[in-house]
Amino acid sequence: MSSIWLVSCPPEKTARVRHEIEGIEPAAQLVRMGTGAEVAHVAEQMRGGAVAAALYECGTGAAAEPVVDHLAHACGVPTVLVLVEQLDAGCIARLFLAGATEVIAAGGPAASRDGDAACTGEGPEDVLRSEPPVDDKRFMPGVGASADAREVLTGSDAPDAPVRPRPPKIASVATPSVPSESASAPCDAPMPSQATPAPQPAEVPAAPHDSEPPAAKAPAHASARVEEKGDQPSAPLVVAISGRGGCGKTTIVASMAWCAARMGLRAAVLDLDLMFGDLYRLMGVEQACDLGRLVRDEDSTEIPLEAIEQTAMRIAPGLTVWGPCALPEHAELLGSPVETLVSVLRQEADVIFADTSVFWGDAVASTVSHCDRCLIVGSAGASSDASASRAVALAARIGVPKTRMTSLFARLGAQGCNEERAMRFEMSVGLRSHVRIADGGTSVSELLAYGKLADVMRGSGAFVRDIQAFTQELVRELGCPLGAWDERQRMAGAHDQGRSRIKLPWNR
């Protein structure tokens, strides 16, 4: 038997709430009421039945806290869904504490960008938010549900309204308890030790980019489809390729994605070394989610949105990874699913980074051909120059102009990777855009072997400085939103100007 959902929302938001509920329970029956007090009163009368509740809050959700607490504890409602238009980390945390099982960002672009950080109260973004005062008064039922304030919405009886297909939620990863970092280190988000997705009810999925959804009605079983470019603003795609393995390509991609998340961007990472990729291990994940779950039908161009959620690995707020396959033999079936995945992530992320294998399949070729920047990674090696040149030629043949390519010489300063060797690589590749990344030494390689990418990026060596500088320059060139990051940097610079430049032995 399907559940009865008691809904409190403005009439113009009914279609949005109904769409979110159908994504959770397609056969649910909805009863809309005027206020949260009426929802709680009816839920108390129906105690013990198959009842769920959904509340739509035009503000931060502070007013819904006592209602949620009463529904979850006094009425015993197992599922309490809250949609908020203005994200506030403190309010969302209190909603979960009160008993909400899921909080959804229903606001505009600002809510979408901060959704991941707000759902956990931590993350690369260290934006100060003013929290509304907490109402200490508990909810006391006493207002009945009037007949004119109620409205049954089931199936085709509900009014038609333009609804955007539900965006995929980013699956959380079970994270070990670690001490919280100070506010002065916004990037020091904990790294997970396992990649087992957490229960979905405590999720804050990314909000649509538009305050009003486009005119397209989607059923509850909506699947992700490849969208035509130019319909909506899309996240830039950065792909790293090389002519041979072992040149540091995976380390470069993982480090750049971490820096992008630190700057407040929603960074999606694809490990397209589908057979034997290990990018997830660099980020501290012990067991990867199988990207092969995206394969449904060899000839199908559709994948369920639930499959995208199930294959996501949440590394830190603002940083999520997909790939590789658990069974290497499934790699050749992922050409079309990966293309669809990239299309979905272009609408949900701020920037996408993709690591590739030396041997290209359909998935790699399609991703490279649609990239906004192609990094040709090379390092020391007898055949590094010749193989990199062939990789450039192949990328050009599948439609990537050389103006979108950048040669990246890794491990500068290591044995056999001097200035002369780097210049020889750049001349062989023949690209006008080039960058060099310093070698991190044995300390970096040892930390990465144990999945301590966070510890590496907290350092201040030449490798970290080069990665940070190149990432910031690249994402800014690609048009990623860095307004919040620039403002924090400006405020930090103004704060430092007031400090003394001399060091006195105060502690002696």
Protein backbone atom coordinates (compact mmCIF):
# COMPACT_ATOMS: atom_id res chain seq x y z
CA MET A 1 0.00 0.00 0.00
CA SER A 2 1.34 3.41 -0.94
CA SER A 3 1.95 6.07 1.70
CA ILE A 4 -0.14 9.19 2.20
CA TRP A 5 2.02 12.30 2.09
CA LEU A 6 0.80 15.30 4.07
CA VAL A 7 2.12 18.38 2.28
CA SER A 8 2.42 21.98 3.41
CA CYS A 9 3.42 24.31 0.59
CA PRO A 10 2.25 27.37 -1.36
CA PRO A 11 -0.07 26.47 -4.26
CA GLU A 12 2.48 27.56 -6.88
CA LYS A 13 5.08 25.17 -5.40
CA THR A 14 2.84 22.12 -5.44
CA ALA A 15 4.25 20.76 -8.70
CA ARG A 16 7.82 20.96 -7.40
CA VAL A 17 6.99 19.22 -4.13
CA ARG A 18 4.96 16.55 -5.93
CA HIS A 19 7.92 15.90 -8.27
CA GLU A 20 10.33 15.42 -5.36
CA ILE A 21 7.93 13.06 -3.59
CA GLU A 22 7.40 11.00 -6.74
CA GLY A 23 11.16 10.61 -6.98
CA ILE A 24 11.07 8.97 -3.54
CA GLU A 25 7.77 7.06 -3.88
CA PRO A 26 6.15 7.12 -7.34
CA ALA A 27 2.80 5.73 -6.12
CA ALA A 28 2.42 8.16 -3.21
CA GLN A 29 -0.87 9.95 -2.57
CA LEU A 30 -0.58 13.64 -1.69
CA VAL A 31 -2.83 15.72 0.57
CA ARG A 32 -1.91 19.42 0.50
CA MET A 33 -2.66 21.61 3.50
CA GLY A 34 -2.19 25.25 4.28
CA THR A 35 0.27 25.21 7.19
CA GLY A 36 2.69 22.93 8.94
CA ALA A 37 0.47 23.01 12.03
CA GLU A 38 -2.34 21.39 10.05
CA VAL A 39 0.05 18.73 8.78
CA ALA A 40 1.12 17.90 12.33
CA HIS A 41 -2.49 17.82 13.57
CA VAL A 42 -3.59 15.37 10.87
CA ALA A 43 -0.44 13.26 11.32
CA GLU A 44 -1.20 12.95 15.03
CA GLN A 45 -4.70 11.69 14.25
CA MET A 46 -3.32 9.15 11.74
CA ARG A 47 -0.58 7.90 14.04
CA GLY A 48 0.45 4.35 13.18
CA GLY A 49 -0.61 4.55 9.54
CA ALA A 50 1.50 4.79 6.40
CA VAL A 51 2.01 8.54 6.64
CA ALA A 52 4.86 10.78 5.47
CA ALA A 53 5.21 14.55 5.53
CA ALA A 54 6.72 17.21 3.26
CA LEU A 55 7.19 20.88 4.16
CA TYR A 56 8.14 23.68 1.77
CA GLU A 57 9.81 26.68 3.44
CA CYS A 58 10.32 29.93 1.53
CA GLY A 59 13.04 31.00 3.99
CA THR A 60 15.85 29.08 5.67
CA GLY A 61 13.57 26.53 7.34
CA ALA A 62 13.95 27.82 10.90
CA ALA A 63 10.18 28.10 11.32
CA ALA A 64 9.77 24.42 10.42
CA GLU A 65 12.06 23.08 13.18
CA PRO A 66 9.34 22.66 15.89
CA VAL A 67 6.94 21.15 13.34
CA VAL A 68 9.58 18.66 12.17
CA ASP A 69 10.41 17.75 15.77
CA HIS A 70 6.73 17.11 16.57
CA LEU A 71 6.19 15.05 13.42
CA ALA A 72 9.26 12.90 13.97
CA HIS A 73 9.02 12.31 17.73
CA ALA A 74 5.47 12.93 18.90
CA CYS A 75 3.64 11.67 15.79
CA GLY A 76 6.17 8.99 14.81
CA VAL A 77 6.24 9.99 11.12
CA PRO A 78 9.12 7.96 9.62
CA THR A 79 9.79 10.24 6.61
CA VAL A 80 9.87 14.03 6.91
CA LEU A 81 10.96 15.87 3.75
CA VAL A 82 11.83 19.59 3.96
CA LEU A 83 12.40 21.87 0.96
CA VAL A 84 14.10 25.20 1.69
CA GLU A 85 14.74 28.13 -0.63
CA GLN A 86 17.50 29.81 1.38
CA LEU A 87 20.33 27.54 2.46
CA ASP A 88 21.81 28.04 5.91
CA ALA A 89 24.20 25.46 7.32
CA GLY A 90 23.04 25.97 10.90
CA CYS A 91 19.35 25.71 10.07
CA ILE A 92 19.84 22.58 7.98
CA ALA A 93 21.82 20.95 10.79
CA ARG A 94 19.03 21.76 13.25
CA LEU A 95 16.41 20.37 10.86
CA PHE A 96 18.27 17.05 10.73
CA LEU A 97 18.63 17.13 14.52
CA ALA A 98 14.91 17.76 14.86
CA GLY A 99 14.16 14.63 12.83
CA ALA A 100 14.13 15.56 9.14
CA THR A 101 15.12 12.64 6.95
CA GLU A 102 15.91 14.72 3.85
CA VAL A 103 16.49 18.42 3.16
CA ILE A 104 16.33 19.61 -0.45
CA ALA A 105 17.64 22.90 -1.79
CA ALA A 106 14.78 24.45 -3.73
CA GLY A 107 16.27 27.89 -4.27
CA GLY A 108 18.25 29.48 -7.12
CA PRO A 109 21.89 29.25 -8.24
CA ALA A 110 23.28 30.38 -4.89
CA ALA A 111 21.53 27.55 -3.10
CA SER A 112 22.76 25.07 -5.69
CA ARG A 113 26.39 26.08 -5.27
CA ASP A 114 26.35 25.86 -1.50
CA GLY A 115 24.19 22.74 -1.22
CA ASP A 116 26.97 20.24 -0.61
CA ALA A 117 28.72 22.33 2.02
CA ALA A 118 25.47 23.17 3.78
CA CYS A 119 24.35 19.56 4.15
CA THR A 120 27.41 18.66 6.24
CA GLY A 121 28.37 21.94 7.85
CA GLU A 122 31.92 21.68 6.53
CA GLY A 123 33.73 21.91 3.27
CA PRO A 124 36.13 23.82 1.09
CA GLU A 125 33.98 26.93 1.33
CA ASP A 126 34.45 28.87 4.57
CA VAL A 127 31.67 31.40 3.98
CA LEU A 128 30.33 33.10 7.10
CA ARG A 129 26.58 32.84 7.22
CA SER A 130 24.30 34.62 9.67
CA GLU A 131 22.00 32.17 11.43
CA PRO A 132 18.44 33.19 12.32
CA PRO A 133 17.41 33.08 15.99
CA VAL A 134 16.26 29.73 17.27
CA ASP A 135 12.68 29.49 18.45
CA ASP A 136 12.72 27.76 21.82
CA LYS A 137 8.94 27.24 21.88
CA ARG A 138 7.92 23.71 21.00
CA PHE A 139 5.00 23.00 18.67
CA MET A 140 1.68 22.45 20.35
CA PRO A 141 -1.06 21.05 18.09
CA GLY A 142 -4.40 22.72 18.25
CA VAL A 143 -5.22 23.90 14.77
CA GLY A 144 -7.38 21.58 12.75
CA ALA A 145 -7.19 21.05 9.00
CA SER A 146 -9.99 23.08 7.51
CA ALA A 147 -11.78 21.78 4.43
CA ASP A 148 -10.87 24.79 2.30
CA ALA A 149 -7.19 24.48 3.23
CA ARG A 150 -6.98 20.89 2.10
CA GLU A 151 -6.57 19.53 -1.38
CA VAL A 152 -6.05 15.95 -2.52
CA LEU A 153 -3.50 15.55 -5.31
CA THR A 154 -3.22 12.06 -6.69
CA GLY A 155 -1.91 11.09 -10.10
CA SER A 156 -3.69 12.84 -12.94
CA ASP A 157 -5.85 14.89 -10.53
CA ALA A 158 -2.90 17.16 -9.80
CA PRO A 159 -2.59 20.31 -11.94
CA ASP A 160 -0.06 20.15 -14.72
CA ALA A 161 2.95 22.40 -14.29
CA PRO A 162 6.34 22.59 -15.95
CA VAL A 163 8.75 20.48 -13.94
CA ARG A 164 12.44 19.98 -14.51
CA PRO A 165 13.65 16.37 -14.30
CA ARG A 166 14.91 15.73 -10.80
CA PRO A 167 18.68 16.34 -10.61
CA PRO A 168 20.77 13.47 -9.28
CA LYS A 169 21.76 13.65 -5.64
CA ILE A 170 25.42 13.24 -4.80
CA ALA A 171 25.83 10.06 -2.80
CA SER A 172 27.50 10.55 0.54
CA VAL A 173 30.41 8.44 1.73
CA ALA A 174 30.75 7.07 5.21
CA THR A 175 33.42 9.23 6.88
CA PRO A 176 35.29 8.35 10.08
CA SER A 177 34.92 10.76 12.97
CA VAL A 178 37.77 13.23 12.98
CA PRO A 179 38.40 16.47 14.90
CA SER A 180 36.84 19.49 13.23
CA GLU A 181 39.24 21.91 11.63
CA SER A 182 39.43 25.59 12.50
CA ALA A 183 37.66 28.18 10.40
CA SER A 184 40.99 29.45 9.13
CA ALA A 185 41.54 26.27 7.13
CA PRO A 186 38.45 25.93 4.93
CA CYS A 187 40.00 23.23 2.76
CA ASP A 188 40.79 20.79 5.52
CA ALA A 189 37.81 18.56 4.96
CA PRO A 190 38.18 14.96 6.25
CA MET A 191 38.90 12.19 3.79
CA PRO A 192 36.75 9.04 3.93
CA SER A 193 38.19 5.61 4.47
CA GLN A 194 35.43 3.73 2.69
CA ALA A 195 33.23 4.37 -0.30
CA THR A 196 30.00 2.88 0.99
CA PRO A 197 27.20 5.35 0.17
CA ALA A 198 25.36 6.65 3.20
CA PRO A 199 21.57 6.40 3.46
CA GLN A 200 19.95 8.77 1.01
CA PRO A 201 17.36 10.45 3.29
CA ALA A 202 20.00 12.71 4.89
CA GLU A 203 20.94 14.24 1.58
CA VAL A 204 20.82 17.74 0.17
CA PRO A 205 20.73 17.29 -3.63
CA ALA A 206 21.88 20.10 -5.85
CA ALA A 207 19.17 22.59 -6.68
CA PRO A 208 18.18 23.54 -10.21
CA HIS A 209 20.10 26.44 -11.67
CA ASP A 210 16.93 28.39 -12.45
CA SER A 211 14.43 29.75 -9.97
CA GLU A 212 11.66 28.64 -12.29
CA PRO A 213 11.96 25.22 -13.95
CA PRO A 214 11.96 25.05 -17.74
CA ALA A 215 8.86 23.92 -19.57
CA ALA A 216 9.39 20.19 -19.59
CA LYS A 217 7.29 17.77 -17.59
CA ALA A 218 9.09 14.61 -16.46
CA PRO A 219 7.54 11.43 -15.09
CA ALA A 220 8.63 9.91 -11.81
CA HIS A 221 10.82 7.38 -13.59
CA ALA A 222 12.66 10.06 -15.57
CA SER A 223 15.99 8.92 -16.96
CA ALA A 224 19.05 10.96 -17.83
CA ARG A 225 19.45 11.67 -21.53
CA VAL A 226 22.19 13.24 -23.57
CA GLU A 227 21.27 16.91 -23.92
CA GLU A 228 22.15 19.15 -26.79
CA LYS A 229 24.85 21.68 -26.04
CA GLY A 230 23.83 25.28 -25.72
CA ASP A 231 20.44 24.65 -24.05
CA GLN A 232 21.72 25.61 -20.61
CA PRO A 233 24.99 26.86 -19.12
CA SER A 234 27.25 23.85 -18.75
CA ALA A 235 30.30 23.10 -16.62
CA PRO A 236 33.63 23.01 -18.47
CA LEU A 237 35.26 19.62 -18.99
CA VAL A 238 39.02 19.22 -18.44
CA VAL A 239 40.56 15.97 -19.70
CA ALA A 240 44.11 14.74 -19.08
CA ILE A 241 45.70 12.39 -21.64
CA SER A 242 49.17 11.00 -22.22
CA GLY A 243 51.01 8.75 -24.61
CA ARG A 244 52.37 6.47 -21.92
CA GLY A 245 51.57 5.52 -18.35
CA GLY A 246 53.38 6.47 -15.18
CA CYS A 247 53.79 10.16 -16.00
CA GLY A 248 51.74 11.43 -13.03
CA LYS A 249 48.49 12.08 -14.89
CA THR A 250 46.23 10.66 -12.18
CA THR A 251 47.99 12.63 -9.44
CA ILE A 252 47.62 15.84 -11.44
CA VAL A 253 43.88 15.30 -12.01
CA ALA A 254 43.15 14.41 -8.37
CA SER A 255 45.14 17.38 -7.05
CA MET A 256 43.53 19.87 -9.43
CA ALA A 257 40.05 18.65 -8.50
CA TRP A 258 40.85 19.04 -4.82
CA CYS A 259 42.06 22.60 -5.38
CA ALA A 260 38.92 23.43 -7.37
CA ALA A 261 36.76 22.20 -4.49
CA ARG A 262 38.82 24.29 -2.10
CA MET A 263 37.99 27.36 -4.16
CA GLY A 264 34.29 26.72 -3.63
CA LEU A 265 33.51 24.93 -6.90
CA ARG A 266 31.51 21.72 -7.24
CA ALA A 267 34.18 19.53 -8.81
CA ALA A 268 33.23 16.21 -10.43
CA VAL A 269 36.00 13.72 -11.24
CA LEU A 270 35.75 10.87 -13.74
CA ASP A 271 38.27 8.04 -13.67
CA LEU A 272 38.08 6.84 -17.26
CA ASP A 273 40.85 4.32 -16.82
CA LEU A 274 37.83 2.05 -16.60
CA MET A 275 39.70 -1.23 -16.41
CA PHE A 276 42.45 -0.62 -13.84
CA GLY A 277 42.05 2.96 -12.59
CA ASP A 278 42.94 3.76 -8.98
CA LEU A 279 42.25 7.48 -8.67
CA TYR A 280 39.83 6.79 -5.82
CA ARG A 281 42.66 5.30 -3.74
CA LEU A 282 44.64 8.53 -3.93
CA MET A 283 41.65 10.21 -2.28
CA GLY A 284 41.43 7.72 0.57
CA VAL A 285 38.62 5.46 -0.67
CA GLU A 286 39.24 1.78 -0.01
CA GLN A 287 36.53 0.27 -2.21
CA ALA A 288 35.17 2.05 -5.28
CA CYS A 289 31.54 2.18 -6.39
CA ASP A 290 31.18 0.18 -9.59
CA LEU A 291 30.67 2.49 -12.58
CA GLY A 292 29.42 -0.58 -14.47
CA ARG A 293 26.03 -0.04 -12.79
CA LEU A 294 25.38 2.57 -15.45
CA VAL A 295 25.14 -0.19 -18.06
CA ARG A 296 21.51 -1.18 -18.58
CA ASP A 297 21.17 -1.97 -22.26
CA GLU A 298 24.01 -2.11 -24.75
CA ASP A 299 21.96 -0.14 -27.31
CA SER A 300 20.30 2.27 -24.87
CA THR A 301 21.22 5.94 -24.50
CA GLU A 302 19.36 6.26 -21.20
CA ILE A 303 20.53 5.63 -17.66
CA PRO A 304 18.38 6.02 -14.54
CA LEU A 305 19.25 8.97 -12.33
CA GLU A 306 19.38 6.58 -9.39
CA ALA A 307 22.30 4.78 -11.04
CA ILE A 308 24.26 8.03 -11.20
CA GLU A 309 23.63 8.57 -7.50
CA GLN A 310 24.61 5.01 -6.60
CA THR A 311 27.91 5.16 -8.49
CA ALA A 312 29.01 8.49 -6.98
CA MET A 313 31.68 8.60 -4.28
CA ARG A 314 31.52 11.68 -2.09
CA ILE A 315 35.12 12.47 -1.15
CA ALA A 316 34.59 15.83 0.53
CA PRO A 317 32.09 18.68 0.29
CA GLY A 318 32.26 19.89 -3.29
CA LEU A 319 34.29 16.90 -4.52
CA THR A 320 32.73 13.72 -5.97
CA VAL A 321 34.32 10.89 -7.98
CA TRP A 322 32.95 8.33 -10.48
CA GLY A 323 34.79 5.23 -11.72
CA PRO A 324 36.25 2.78 -12.51
CA CYS A 325 34.48 -0.52 -13.27
CA ALA A 326 34.55 -3.34 -10.75
CA LEU A 327 34.79 -5.81 -13.65
CA PRO A 328 37.29 -4.67 -16.32
CA GLU A 329 35.40 -6.51 -19.06
CA HIS A 330 32.51 -4.03 -18.67
CA ALA A 331 34.66 -1.11 -19.78
CA GLU A 332 33.82 -1.53 -23.47
CA LEU A 333 30.10 -1.16 -22.70
CA LEU A 334 30.41 2.25 -21.07
CA GLY A 335 30.77 4.46 -24.15
CA SER A 336 27.21 5.76 -24.23
CA PRO A 337 26.65 5.74 -20.43
CA VAL A 338 29.77 7.84 -19.84
CA GLU A 339 28.64 10.31 -22.49
CA THR A 340 25.28 10.60 -20.72
CA LEU A 341 27.00 10.93 -17.33
CA VAL A 342 29.11 13.82 -18.62
CA SER A 343 25.98 15.48 -19.99
CA VAL A 344 24.26 15.26 -16.58
CA LEU A 345 27.32 16.49 -14.68
CA ARG A 346 27.66 19.48 -16.99
CA GLN A 347 24.36 20.72 -15.56
CA GLU A 348 25.03 19.79 -11.93
CA ALA A 349 28.73 20.59 -11.36
CA ASP A 350 30.85 23.72 -11.77
CA VAL A 351 33.82 21.94 -13.35
CA ILE A 352 34.55 18.36 -14.46
CA PHE A 353 37.98 16.69 -14.44
CA ALA A 354 38.56 13.41 -16.29
CA ASP A 355 41.53 11.06 -16.03
CA THR A 356 42.07 8.70 -18.95
CA SER A 357 43.89 5.51 -19.81
CA VAL A 358 46.62 5.06 -22.39
CA PHE A 359 44.39 2.73 -24.42
CA TRP A 360 41.35 4.65 -25.60
CA GLY A 361 37.90 3.17 -25.86
CA ASP A 362 34.62 4.77 -26.85
CA ALA A 363 34.21 6.39 -23.43
CA VAL A 364 37.63 8.08 -23.52
CA ALA A 365 37.36 9.13 -27.16
CA SER A 366 33.92 10.66 -26.66
CA THR A 367 35.01 12.55 -23.53
CA VAL A 368 38.16 13.90 -25.16
CA SER A 369 36.30 15.02 -28.28
CA HIS A 370 33.85 17.08 -26.18
CA CYS A 371 36.38 18.55 -23.73
CA ASP A 372 36.93 22.25 -23.15
CA ARG A 373 40.61 21.80 -22.27
CA CYS A 374 42.86 18.84 -23.04
CA LEU A 375 46.00 18.46 -20.92
CA ILE A 376 48.84 16.54 -22.60
CA VAL A 377 50.79 15.18 -19.63
CA GLY A 378 54.39 14.02 -19.97
CA SER A 379 57.47 13.43 -17.87
CA ALA A 380 60.81 11.63 -18.08
CA GLY A 381 61.02 8.55 -20.29
CA ALA A 382 62.59 7.34 -23.48
CA SER A 383 59.37 7.45 -25.52
CA SER A 384 57.53 10.20 -23.67
CA ASP A 385 57.98 12.84 -26.38
CA ALA A 386 57.03 10.66 -29.35
CA SER A 387 54.02 9.11 -27.60
CA ALA A 388 52.77 12.51 -26.45
CA SER A 389 53.00 13.82 -30.03
CA ARG A 390 50.89 10.92 -31.26
CA ALA A 391 48.35 11.62 -28.51
CA VAL A 392 48.11 15.22 -29.67
CA ALA A 393 47.59 14.09 -33.27
CA LEU A 394 44.86 11.66 -32.26
CA ALA A 395 43.03 14.29 -30.20
CA ALA A 396 43.21 16.69 -33.16
CA ARG A 397 41.78 14.07 -35.51
CA ILE A 398 38.72 13.50 -33.33
CA GLY A 399 37.92 17.21 -33.26
CA VAL A 400 39.92 18.89 -30.46
CA PRO A 401 41.60 22.08 -31.78
CA LYS A 402 45.14 22.72 -30.59
CA THR A 403 43.97 26.00 -29.09
CA ARG A 404 42.20 23.87 -26.46
CA MET A 405 45.31 21.80 -25.69
CA THR A 406 47.96 22.48 -23.05
CA SER A 407 51.19 20.54 -22.61
CA LEU A 408 51.88 19.77 -18.95
CA PHE A 409 55.33 18.57 -17.93
CA ALA A 410 55.13 16.82 -14.55
CA ARG A 411 57.77 16.09 -11.89
CA LEU A 412 60.04 18.97 -12.84
CA GLY A 413 63.15 18.79 -10.70
CA ALA A 414 63.15 15.03 -10.23
CA GLN A 415 65.92 12.84 -11.57
CA GLY A 416 65.95 13.11 -15.38
CA CYS A 417 63.29 15.88 -15.35
CA ASN A 418 65.37 19.02 -15.62
CA GLU A 419 64.71 22.22 -17.57
CA GLU A 420 66.29 20.84 -20.73
CA ARG A 421 64.11 17.74 -20.62
CA ALA A 422 60.99 19.85 -20.12
CA MET A 423 61.88 22.11 -23.06
CA ARG A 424 62.44 19.07 -25.28
CA PHE A 425 59.00 17.74 -24.37
CA GLU A 426 57.32 21.07 -25.09
CA MET A 427 59.04 21.39 -28.46
CA SER A 428 58.07 17.85 -29.42
CA VAL A 429 54.41 18.38 -28.53
CA GLY A 430 54.35 21.68 -30.41
CA LEU A 431 51.65 23.52 -28.41
CA ARG A 432 51.71 27.21 -27.63
CA SER A 433 50.14 26.68 -24.20
CA HIS A 434 52.34 24.84 -21.73
CA VAL A 435 52.82 24.53 -17.97
CA ARG A 436 55.30 22.79 -15.68
CA ILE A 437 54.53 21.16 -12.33
CA ALA A 438 57.34 20.65 -9.83
CA ASP A 439 58.11 17.26 -8.34
CA GLY A 440 56.69 16.64 -4.89
CA GLY A 441 59.43 14.29 -3.77
CA THR A 442 59.18 11.11 -1.78
CA SER A 443 56.92 12.68 0.86
CA VAL A 444 54.16 13.28 -1.69
CA SER A 445 54.43 9.82 -3.23
CA GLU A 446 54.37 8.14 0.18
CA LEU A 447 51.32 10.09 1.34
CA LEU A 448 49.46 9.34 -1.89
CA ALA A 449 50.25 5.64 -1.52
CA TYR A 450 48.15 5.71 1.67
CA GLY A 451 45.37 7.84 0.18
CA LYS A 452 46.41 11.04 1.98
CA LEU A 453 45.76 13.51 -0.81
CA ALA A 454 44.27 15.94 1.73
CA ASP A 455 47.52 15.97 3.71
CA VAL A 456 49.49 16.57 0.52
CA MET A 457 47.36 19.53 -0.52
CA ARG A 458 47.59 21.08 2.94
CA GLY A 459 51.32 21.41 2.46
CA SER A 460 53.21 24.36 1.04
CA GLY A 461 55.83 22.78 -1.20
CA ALA A 462 56.59 23.58 -4.83
CA PHE A 463 54.24 20.85 -6.10
CA VAL A 464 51.26 22.24 -4.16
CA ARG A 465 52.01 25.83 -5.18
CA ASP A 466 52.24 24.91 -8.87
CA ILE A 467 49.01 22.91 -8.78
CA GLN A 468 47.12 25.66 -6.99
CA ALA A 469 48.36 28.38 -9.33
CA PHE A 470 47.59 26.39 -12.49
CA THR A 471 44.17 25.27 -11.28
CA GLN A 472 43.13 28.79 -10.36
CA GLU A 473 44.32 30.14 -13.71
CA LEU A 474 42.59 27.35 -15.65
CA VAL A 475 39.17 27.47 -13.96
CA ARG A 476 39.15 31.25 -14.21
CA GLU A 477 39.95 31.05 -17.92
CA LEU A 478 37.14 28.52 -18.41
CA GLY A 479 34.63 30.85 -16.77
CA CYS A 480 33.98 28.99 -13.51
CA PRO A 481 32.24 31.01 -10.76
CA LEU A 482 34.96 32.23 -8.40
CA GLY A 483 33.23 35.26 -6.90
CA ALA A 484 33.15 33.89 -3.35
CA TRP A 485 36.77 32.73 -3.58
CA ASP A 486 37.96 36.13 -4.85
CA GLU A 487 36.11 37.89 -2.05
CA ARG A 488 37.69 35.66 0.60
CA GLN A 489 41.12 36.27 -0.88
CA ARG A 490 40.52 40.01 -0.90
CA MET A 491 39.39 39.98 2.72
CA ALA A 492 42.37 37.83 3.74
CA GLY A 493 44.73 40.24 1.98
CA ALA A 494 43.16 43.24 3.68
CA HIS A 495 43.46 41.48 7.04
CA ASP A 496 47.13 40.67 6.48
CA GLN A 497 47.94 44.27 5.60
CA GLY A 498 47.17 45.31 9.15
CA ARG A 499 49.66 42.87 10.65
CA SER A 500 53.21 43.67 11.57
CA ARG A 501 55.83 42.39 9.15
CA ILE A 502 58.49 41.83 11.83
CA LYS A 503 58.74 38.76 14.02
CA LEU A 504 59.34 39.38 17.71
CA PRO A 505 60.21 36.64 20.23
CA TRP A 506 56.96 36.91 22.17
CA ASN A 507 57.14 33.31 23.38
CA ARG A 508 60.69 33.51 24.70
